[in-house]
PDB file of all heavy atoms in Angstrom:
ATOM      1  N   SER A   1      12.936   4.286  13.629  1.00  0.00           N
ATOM      2  CA  SER A   1      14.171   4.869  14.210  1.00  0.00           C
ATOM      3  C   SER A   1      15.414   4.426  13.429  1.00  0.00           C
ATOM      4  O   SER A   1      16.470   5.036  13.537  1.00  0.00           O
ATOM      5  CB  SER A   1      14.322   4.476  15.683  1.00  0.00           C
ATOM      6  OG  SER A   1      14.359   3.082  15.817  1.00  0.00           O
ATOM      7  N   GLU A   2      15.293   3.338  12.586  1.00  0.00           N
ATOM      8  CA  GLU A   2      16.433   2.895  11.782  1.00  0.00           C
ATOM      9  C   GLU A   2      16.545   3.629  10.457  1.00  0.00           C
ATOM     10  O   GLU A   2      17.474   3.387   9.694  1.00  0.00           O
ATOM     11  CB  GLU A   2      16.306   1.376  11.493  1.00  0.00           C
ATOM     12  CG  GLU A   2      16.338   0.506  12.747  1.00  0.00           C
ATOM     13  CD  GLU A   2      15.918  -0.926  12.433  1.00  0.00           C
ATOM     14  OE1 GLU A   2      15.649  -1.236  11.243  1.00  0.00           O
ATOM     15  OE2 GLU A   2      15.840  -1.723  13.365  1.00  0.00           O
ATOM     16  N   PHE A   3      15.551   4.455  10.141  1.00  0.00           N
ATOM     17  CA  PHE A   3      15.521   5.139   8.842  1.00  0.00           C
ATOM     18  C   PHE A   3      16.756   6.059   8.724  1.00  0.00           C
ATOM     19  O   PHE A   3      17.000   6.881   9.598  1.00  0.00           O
ATOM     20  CB  PHE A   3      14.234   5.979   8.725  1.00  0.00           C
ATOM     21  CG  PHE A   3      13.868   6.309   7.318  1.00  0.00           C
ATOM     22  CD1 PHE A   3      13.191   5.367   6.539  1.00  0.00           C
ATOM     23  CD2 PHE A   3      14.127   7.542   6.749  1.00  0.00           C
ATOM     24  CE1 PHE A   3      12.799   5.646   5.235  1.00  0.00           C
ATOM     25  CE2 PHE A   3      13.761   7.834   5.453  1.00  0.00           C
ATOM     26  CZ  PHE A   3      13.095   6.883   4.689  1.00  0.00           C
ATOM     27  N   PRO A   4      17.572   5.883   7.666  1.00  0.00           N
ATOM     28  CA  PRO A   4      18.847   6.617   7.617  1.00  0.00           C
ATOM     29  C   PRO A   4      18.667   8.118   7.343  1.00  0.00           C
ATOM     30  O   PRO A   4      17.734   8.548   6.703  1.00  0.00           O
ATOM     31  CB  PRO A   4      19.578   5.944   6.446  1.00  0.00           C
ATOM     32  CG  PRO A   4      18.508   5.386   5.589  1.00  0.00           C
ATOM     33  CD  PRO A   4      17.361   5.041   6.473  1.00  0.00           C
ATOM     34  N   GLU A   5      19.607   8.872   7.872  1.00  0.00           N
ATOM     35  CA  GLU A   5      19.695  10.328   7.594  1.00  0.00           C
ATOM     36  C   GLU A   5      20.537  10.507   6.336  1.00  0.00           C
ATOM     37  O   GLU A   5      21.308   9.620   5.976  1.00  0.00           O
ATOM     38  CB  GLU A   5      20.341  11.055   8.762  1.00  0.00           C
ATOM     39  CG  GLU A   5      19.678  10.827  10.112  1.00  0.00           C
ATOM     40  CD  GLU A   5      18.397  11.627  10.298  1.00  0.00           C
ATOM     41  OE1 GLU A   5      18.268  12.664   9.623  1.00  0.00           O
ATOM     42  OE2 GLU A   5      17.533  11.221  11.073  1.00  0.00           O
ATOM     43  N   GLY A   6      20.440  11.616   5.689  1.00  0.00           N
ATOM     44  CA  GLY A   6      21.322  11.895   4.540  1.00  0.00           C
ATOM     45  C   GLY A   6      20.562  11.864   3.235  1.00  0.00           C
ATOM     46  O   GLY A   6      19.321  11.865   3.182  1.00  0.00           O
ATOM     47  N   LYS A   7      21.311  11.812   2.127  1.00  0.00           N
ATOM     48  CA  LYS A   7      20.705  11.908   0.803  1.00  0.00           C
ATOM     49  C   LYS A   7      20.208  10.540   0.356  1.00  0.00           C
ATOM     50  O   LYS A   7      21.000   9.602   0.166  1.00  0.00           O
ATOM     51  CB  LYS A   7      21.721  12.453  -0.190  1.00  0.00           C
ATOM     52  CG  LYS A   7      22.054  13.926   0.075  1.00  0.00           C
ATOM     53  CD  LYS A   7      22.863  14.539  -1.034  1.00  0.00           C
ATOM     54  CE  LYS A   7      23.004  16.043  -0.806  1.00  0.00           C
ATOM     55  NZ  LYS A   7      23.855  16.656  -1.815  1.00  0.00           N
ATOM     56  N   ILE A   8      18.919  10.423   0.200  1.00  0.00           N
ATOM     57  CA  ILE A   8      18.280   9.147  -0.156  1.00  0.00           C
ATOM     58  C   ILE A   8      17.939   9.153  -1.641  1.00  0.00           C
ATOM     59  O   ILE A   8      17.339  10.112  -2.149  1.00  0.00           O
ATOM     60  CB  ILE A   8      17.008   8.929   0.707  1.00  0.00           C
ATOM     61  CG1 ILE A   8      17.431   8.699   2.169  1.00  0.00           C
ATOM     62  CG2 ILE A   8      16.181   7.755   0.193  1.00  0.00           C
ATOM     63  CD1 ILE A   8      16.305   8.787   3.146  1.00  0.00           C
ATOM     64  N   ALA A   9      18.371   8.075  -2.336  1.00  0.00           N
ATOM     65  CA  ALA A   9      18.080   7.982  -3.770  1.00  0.00           C
ATOM     66  C   ALA A   9      16.672   7.444  -3.980  1.00  0.00           C
ATOM     67  O   ALA A   9      15.847   8.057  -4.660  1.00  0.00           O
ATOM     68  CB  ALA A   9      19.094   7.054  -4.435  1.00  0.00           C
ATOM     69  N   GLU A  10      16.355   6.270  -3.334  1.00  0.00           N
ATOM     70  CA  GLU A  10      15.035   5.662  -3.511  1.00  0.00           C
ATOM     71  C   GLU A  10      14.655   4.859  -2.299  1.00  0.00           C
ATOM     72  O   GLU A  10      15.506   4.295  -1.609  1.00  0.00           O
ATOM     73  CB  GLU A  10      15.039   4.756  -4.742  1.00  0.00           C
ATOM     74  CG  GLU A  10      14.399   5.412  -5.958  1.00  0.00           C
ATOM     75  CD  GLU A  10      14.379   4.470  -7.162  1.00  0.00           C
ATOM     76  OE1 GLU A  10      15.353   3.723  -7.359  1.00  0.00           O
ATOM     77  OE2 GLU A  10      13.367   4.488  -7.874  1.00  0.00           O
ATOM     78  N   VAL A  11      13.352   4.819  -2.040  1.00  0.00           N
ATOM     79  CA  VAL A  11      12.821   3.983  -0.940  1.00  0.00           C
ATOM     80  C   VAL A  11      11.834   2.986  -1.579  1.00  0.00           C
ATOM     81  O   VAL A  11      10.970   3.367  -2.350  1.00  0.00           O
ATOM     82  CB  VAL A  11      12.070   4.840   0.104  1.00  0.00           C
ATOM     83  CG1 VAL A  11      11.609   3.956   1.258  1.00  0.00           C
ATOM     84  CG2 VAL A  11      12.970   5.960   0.637  1.00  0.00           C
ATOM     85  N   TYR A  12      12.037   1.703  -1.234  1.00  0.00           N
ATOM     86  CA  TYR A  12      11.125   0.658  -1.761  1.00  0.00           C
ATOM     87  C   TYR A  12      10.249   0.113  -0.655  1.00  0.00           C
ATOM     88  O   TYR A  12      10.734  -0.115   0.462  1.00  0.00           O
ATOM     89  CB  TYR A  12      11.959  -0.504  -2.369  1.00  0.00           C
ATOM     90  CG  TYR A  12      12.716  -0.100  -3.610  1.00  0.00           C
ATOM     91  CD1 TYR A  12      14.038   0.341  -3.540  1.00  0.00           C
ATOM     92  CD2 TYR A  12      12.113  -0.134  -4.853  1.00  0.00           C
ATOM     93  CE1 TYR A  12      14.735   0.713  -4.679  1.00  0.00           C
ATOM     94  CE2 TYR A  12      12.780   0.214  -6.023  1.00  0.00           C
ATOM     95  CZ  TYR A  12      14.109   0.648  -5.911  1.00  0.00           C
ATOM     96  OH  TYR A  12      14.788   1.025  -7.031  1.00  0.00           O
ATOM     97  N   GLU A  13       8.965  -0.066  -0.967  1.00  0.00           N
ATOM     98  CA  GLU A  13       8.040  -0.618   0.042  1.00  0.00           C
ATOM     99  C   GLU A  13       7.375  -1.862  -0.502  1.00  0.00           C
ATOM    100  O   GLU A  13       7.197  -2.000  -1.739  1.00  0.00           O
ATOM    101  CB  GLU A  13       6.985   0.423   0.418  1.00  0.00           C
ATOM    102  CG  GLU A  13       6.093   0.843  -0.736  1.00  0.00           C
ATOM    103  CD  GLU A  13       4.975   1.781  -0.337  1.00  0.00           C
ATOM    104  OE1 GLU A  13       4.773   1.991   0.863  1.00  0.00           O
ATOM    105  OE2 GLU A  13       4.330   2.325  -1.237  1.00  0.00           O
ATOM    106  N   PRO A  14       7.014  -2.833   0.357  1.00  0.00           N
ATOM    107  CA  PRO A  14       6.366  -4.064  -0.120  1.00  0.00           C
ATOM    108  C   PRO A  14       4.948  -3.780  -0.613  1.00  0.00           C
ATOM    109  O   PRO A  14       4.249  -2.940  -0.041  1.00  0.00           O
ATOM    110  CB  PRO A  14       6.343  -4.970   1.105  1.00  0.00           C
ATOM    111  CG  PRO A  14       6.526  -4.080   2.278  1.00  0.00           C
ATOM    112  CD  PRO A  14       7.225  -2.840   1.819  1.00  0.00           C
ATOM    113  N   VAL A  15       4.540  -4.474  -1.687  1.00  0.00           N
ATOM    114  CA  VAL A  15       3.170  -4.348  -2.189  1.00  0.00           C
ATOM    115  C   VAL A  15       2.498  -5.715  -2.180  1.00  0.00           C
ATOM    116  O   VAL A  15       3.162  -6.745  -2.232  1.00  0.00           O
ATOM    117  CB  VAL A  15       3.117  -3.754  -3.609  1.00  0.00           C
ATOM    118  CG1 VAL A  15       3.435  -2.273  -3.602  1.00  0.00           C
ATOM    119  CG2 VAL A  15       3.999  -4.455  -4.574  1.00  0.00           C
ATOM    120  N   VAL A  16       1.171  -5.680  -2.087  1.00  0.00           N
ATOM    121  CA  VAL A  16       0.404  -6.938  -2.059  1.00  0.00           C
ATOM    122  C   VAL A  16      -0.696  -6.873  -3.104  1.00  0.00           C
ATOM    123  O   VAL A  16      -1.094  -5.808  -3.544  1.00  0.00           O
ATOM    124  CB  VAL A  16      -0.237  -7.183  -0.670  1.00  0.00           C
ATOM    125  CG1 VAL A  16       0.804  -7.397   0.390  1.00  0.00           C
ATOM    126  CG2 VAL A  16      -1.197  -6.069  -0.306  1.00  0.00           C
ATOM    127  N   ARG A  17      -1.138  -8.058  -3.517  1.00  0.00           N
ATOM    128  CA  ARG A  17      -2.287  -8.171  -4.417  1.00  0.00           C
ATOM    129  C   ARG A  17      -3.471  -8.563  -3.550  1.00  0.00           C
ATOM    130  O   ARG A  17      -3.477  -9.650  -2.971  1.00  0.00           O
ATOM    131  CB  ARG A  17      -1.986  -9.268  -5.473  1.00  0.00           C
ATOM    132  CG  ARG A  17      -3.092  -9.459  -6.486  1.00  0.00           C
ATOM    133  CD  ARG A  17      -2.676 -10.581  -7.426  1.00  0.00           C
ATOM    134  NE  ARG A  17      -3.626 -10.767  -8.520  1.00  0.00           N
ATOM    135  CZ  ARG A  17      -4.724 -11.481  -8.437  1.00  0.00           C
ATOM    136  NH1 ARG A  17      -5.011 -12.111  -7.301  1.00  0.00           N
ATOM    137  NH2 ARG A  17      -5.523 -11.599  -9.503  1.00  0.00           N
ATOM    138  N   ALA A  18      -4.384  -7.639  -3.379  1.00  0.00           N
ATOM    139  CA  ALA A  18      -5.515  -7.861  -2.489  1.00  0.00           C
ATOM    140  C   ALA A  18      -6.756  -8.265  -3.261  1.00  0.00           C
ATOM    141  O   ALA A  18      -7.036  -7.737  -4.339  1.00  0.00           O
ATOM    142  CB  ALA A  18      -5.808  -6.577  -1.701  1.00  0.00           C
ATOM    143  N   THR A  19      -7.459  -9.265  -2.740  1.00  0.00           N
ATOM    144  CA  THR A  19      -8.727  -9.698  -3.329  1.00  0.00           C
ATOM    145  C   THR A  19      -9.849  -9.408  -2.315  1.00  0.00           C
ATOM    146  O   THR A  19      -9.774  -9.835  -1.171  1.00  0.00           O
ATOM    147  CB  THR A  19      -8.713 -11.223  -3.610  1.00  0.00           C
ATOM    148  OG1 THR A  19      -7.591 -11.515  -4.407  1.00  0.00           O
ATOM    149  CG2 THR A  19      -9.967 -11.680  -4.323  1.00  0.00           C
ATOM    150  N   ILE A  20     -10.828  -8.638  -2.751  1.00  0.00           N
ATOM    151  CA  ILE A  20     -11.923  -8.276  -1.844  1.00  0.00           C
ATOM    152  C   ILE A  20     -13.232  -8.817  -2.438  1.00  0.00           C
ATOM    153  O   ILE A  20     -13.508  -8.593  -3.607  1.00  0.00           O
ATOM    154  CB  ILE A  20     -12.031  -6.736  -1.687  1.00  0.00           C
ATOM    155  CG1 ILE A  20     -10.742  -6.196  -1.034  1.00  0.00           C
ATOM    156  CG2 ILE A  20     -13.239  -6.343  -0.866  1.00  0.00           C
ATOM    157  CD1 ILE A  20     -10.561  -4.719  -1.144  1.00  0.00           C
ATOM    158  N   LEU A  21     -13.983  -9.566  -1.625  1.00  0.00           N
ATOM    159  CA  LEU A  21     -15.313 -10.029  -2.030  1.00  0.00           C
ATOM    160  C   LEU A  21     -16.347  -9.223  -1.258  1.00  0.00           C
ATOM    161  O   LEU A  21     -16.252  -9.131  -0.056  1.00  0.00           O
ATOM    162  CB  LEU A  21     -15.493 -11.510  -1.697  1.00  0.00           C
ATOM    163  CG  LEU A  21     -14.710 -12.527  -2.476  1.00  0.00           C
ATOM    164  CD1 LEU A  21     -15.249 -13.914  -2.237  1.00  0.00           C
ATOM    165  CD2 LEU A  21     -14.739 -12.267  -3.972  1.00  0.00           C
ATOM    166  N   ALA A  22     -17.296  -8.640  -1.976  1.00  0.00           N
ATOM    167  CA  ALA A  22     -18.300  -7.819  -1.294  1.00  0.00           C
ATOM    168  C   ALA A  22     -19.606  -7.847  -2.077  1.00  0.00           C
ATOM    169  O   ALA A  22     -19.608  -8.114  -3.267  1.00  0.00           O
ATOM    170  CB  ALA A  22     -17.777  -6.381  -1.188  1.00  0.00           C
ATOM    171  N   PRO A  23     -20.721  -7.520  -1.418  1.00  0.00           N
ATOM    172  CA  PRO A  23     -21.994  -7.371  -2.165  1.00  0.00           C
ATOM    173  C   PRO A  23     -21.820  -6.214  -3.159  1.00  0.00           C
ATOM    174  O   PRO A  23     -21.173  -5.206  -2.856  1.00  0.00           O
ATOM    175  CB  PRO A  23     -23.003  -7.006  -1.057  1.00  0.00           C
ATOM    176  CG  PRO A  23     -22.392  -7.550   0.209  1.00  0.00           C
ATOM    177  CD  PRO A  23     -20.912  -7.404   0.028  1.00  0.00           C
ATOM    178  N   SER A  24     -22.445  -6.328  -4.344  1.00  0.00           N
ATOM    179  CA  SER A  24     -22.221  -5.352  -5.406  1.00  0.00           C
ATOM    180  C   SER A  24     -22.677  -3.953  -5.065  1.00  0.00           C
ATOM    181  O   SER A  24     -22.209  -2.980  -5.633  1.00  0.00           O
ATOM    182  CB  SER A  24     -22.866  -5.828  -6.705  1.00  0.00           C
ATOM    183  OG  SER A  24     -24.183  -6.245  -6.462  1.00  0.00           O
ATOM    184  N   GLU A  25     -23.583  -3.798  -4.087  1.00  0.00           N
ATOM    185  CA  GLU A  25     -24.052  -2.438  -3.722  1.00  0.00           C
ATOM    186  C   GLU A  25     -22.948  -1.621  -3.070  1.00  0.00           C
ATOM    187  O   GLU A  25     -23.045  -0.388  -3.005  1.00  0.00           O
ATOM    188  CB  GLU A  25     -25.250  -2.553  -2.779  1.00  0.00           C
ATOM    189  CG  GLU A  25     -24.920  -3.193  -1.436  1.00  0.00           C
ATOM    190  CD  GLU A  25     -26.147  -3.458  -0.554  1.00  0.00           C
ATOM    191  OE1 GLU A  25     -26.632  -2.498   0.058  1.00  0.00           O
ATOM    192  OE2 GLU A  25     -26.579  -4.618  -0.493  1.00  0.00           O
ATOM    193  N   PHE A  26     -21.854  -2.293  -2.577  1.00  0.00           N
ATOM    194  CA  PHE A  26     -20.809  -1.557  -1.881  1.00  0.00           C
ATOM    195  C   PHE A  26     -19.586  -1.298  -2.766  1.00  0.00           C
ATOM    196  O   PHE A  26     -18.539  -0.898  -2.271  1.00  0.00           O
ATOM    197  CB  PHE A  26     -20.369  -2.311  -0.634  1.00  0.00           C
ATOM    198  CG  PHE A  26     -21.454  -2.515   0.361  1.00  0.00           C
ATOM    199  CD1 PHE A  26     -21.872  -3.800   0.685  1.00  0.00           C
ATOM    200  CD2 PHE A  26     -22.054  -1.443   0.995  1.00  0.00           C
ATOM    201  CE1 PHE A  26     -22.930  -3.987   1.594  1.00  0.00           C
ATOM    202  CE2 PHE A  26     -23.085  -1.631   1.906  1.00  0.00           C
ATOM    203  CZ  PHE A  26     -23.513  -2.903   2.200  1.00  0.00           C
ATOM    204  N   ILE A  27     -19.679  -1.542  -4.087  1.00  0.00           N
ATOM    205  CA  ILE A  27     -18.532  -1.366  -4.990  1.00  0.00           C
ATOM    206  C   ILE A  27     -17.904   0.010  -4.825  1.00  0.00           C
ATOM    207  O   ILE A  27     -16.686   0.185  -4.673  1.00  0.00           O
ATOM    208  CB  ILE A  27     -18.895  -1.604  -6.463  1.00  0.00           C
ATOM    209  CG1 ILE A  27     -19.179  -3.094  -6.703  1.00  0.00           C
ATOM    210  CG2 ILE A  27     -17.776  -1.157  -7.402  1.00  0.00           C
ATOM    211  CD1 ILE A  27     -19.663  -3.425  -8.086  1.00  0.00           C
ATOM    212  N   GLY A  28     -18.751   1.063  -4.857  1.00  0.00           N
ATOM    213  CA  GLY A  28     -18.279   2.449  -4.788  1.00  0.00           C
ATOM    214  C   GLY A  28     -17.464   2.705  -3.549  1.00  0.00           C
ATOM    215  O   GLY A  28     -16.364   3.251  -3.611  1.00  0.00           O
ATOM    216  N   SER A  29     -18.006   2.313  -2.348  1.00  0.00           N
ATOM    217  CA  SER A  29     -17.306   2.607  -1.112  1.00  0.00           C
ATOM    218  C   SER A  29     -16.008   1.807  -0.988  1.00  0.00           C
ATOM    219  O   SER A  29     -15.021   2.311  -0.454  1.00  0.00           O
ATOM    220  CB  SER A  29     -18.210   2.409   0.097  1.00  0.00           C
ATOM    221  OG  SER A  29     -18.902   1.206   0.009  1.00  0.00           O
ATOM    222  N   VAL A  30     -15.989   0.573  -1.502  1.00  0.00           N
ATOM    223  CA  VAL A  30     -14.755  -0.233  -1.456  1.00  0.00           C
ATOM    224  C   VAL A  30     -13.672   0.377  -2.355  1.00  0.00           C
ATOM    225  O   VAL A  30     -12.518   0.500  -1.949  1.00  0.00           O
ATOM    226  CB  VAL A  30     -15.044  -1.707  -1.879  1.00  0.00           C
ATOM    227  CG1 VAL A  30     -13.731  -2.462  -2.077  1.00  0.00           C
ATOM    228  CG2 VAL A  30     -15.898  -2.431  -0.866  1.00  0.00           C
TER     229      VAL A  30
END
């Protein structure tokens, strides 16, 4: 609801570095 109205130049969003450990048979689905 706080998102501004009007002409927006750019929107920045937070990014994360994710580490996933999984059995190798599931590489494709991950």
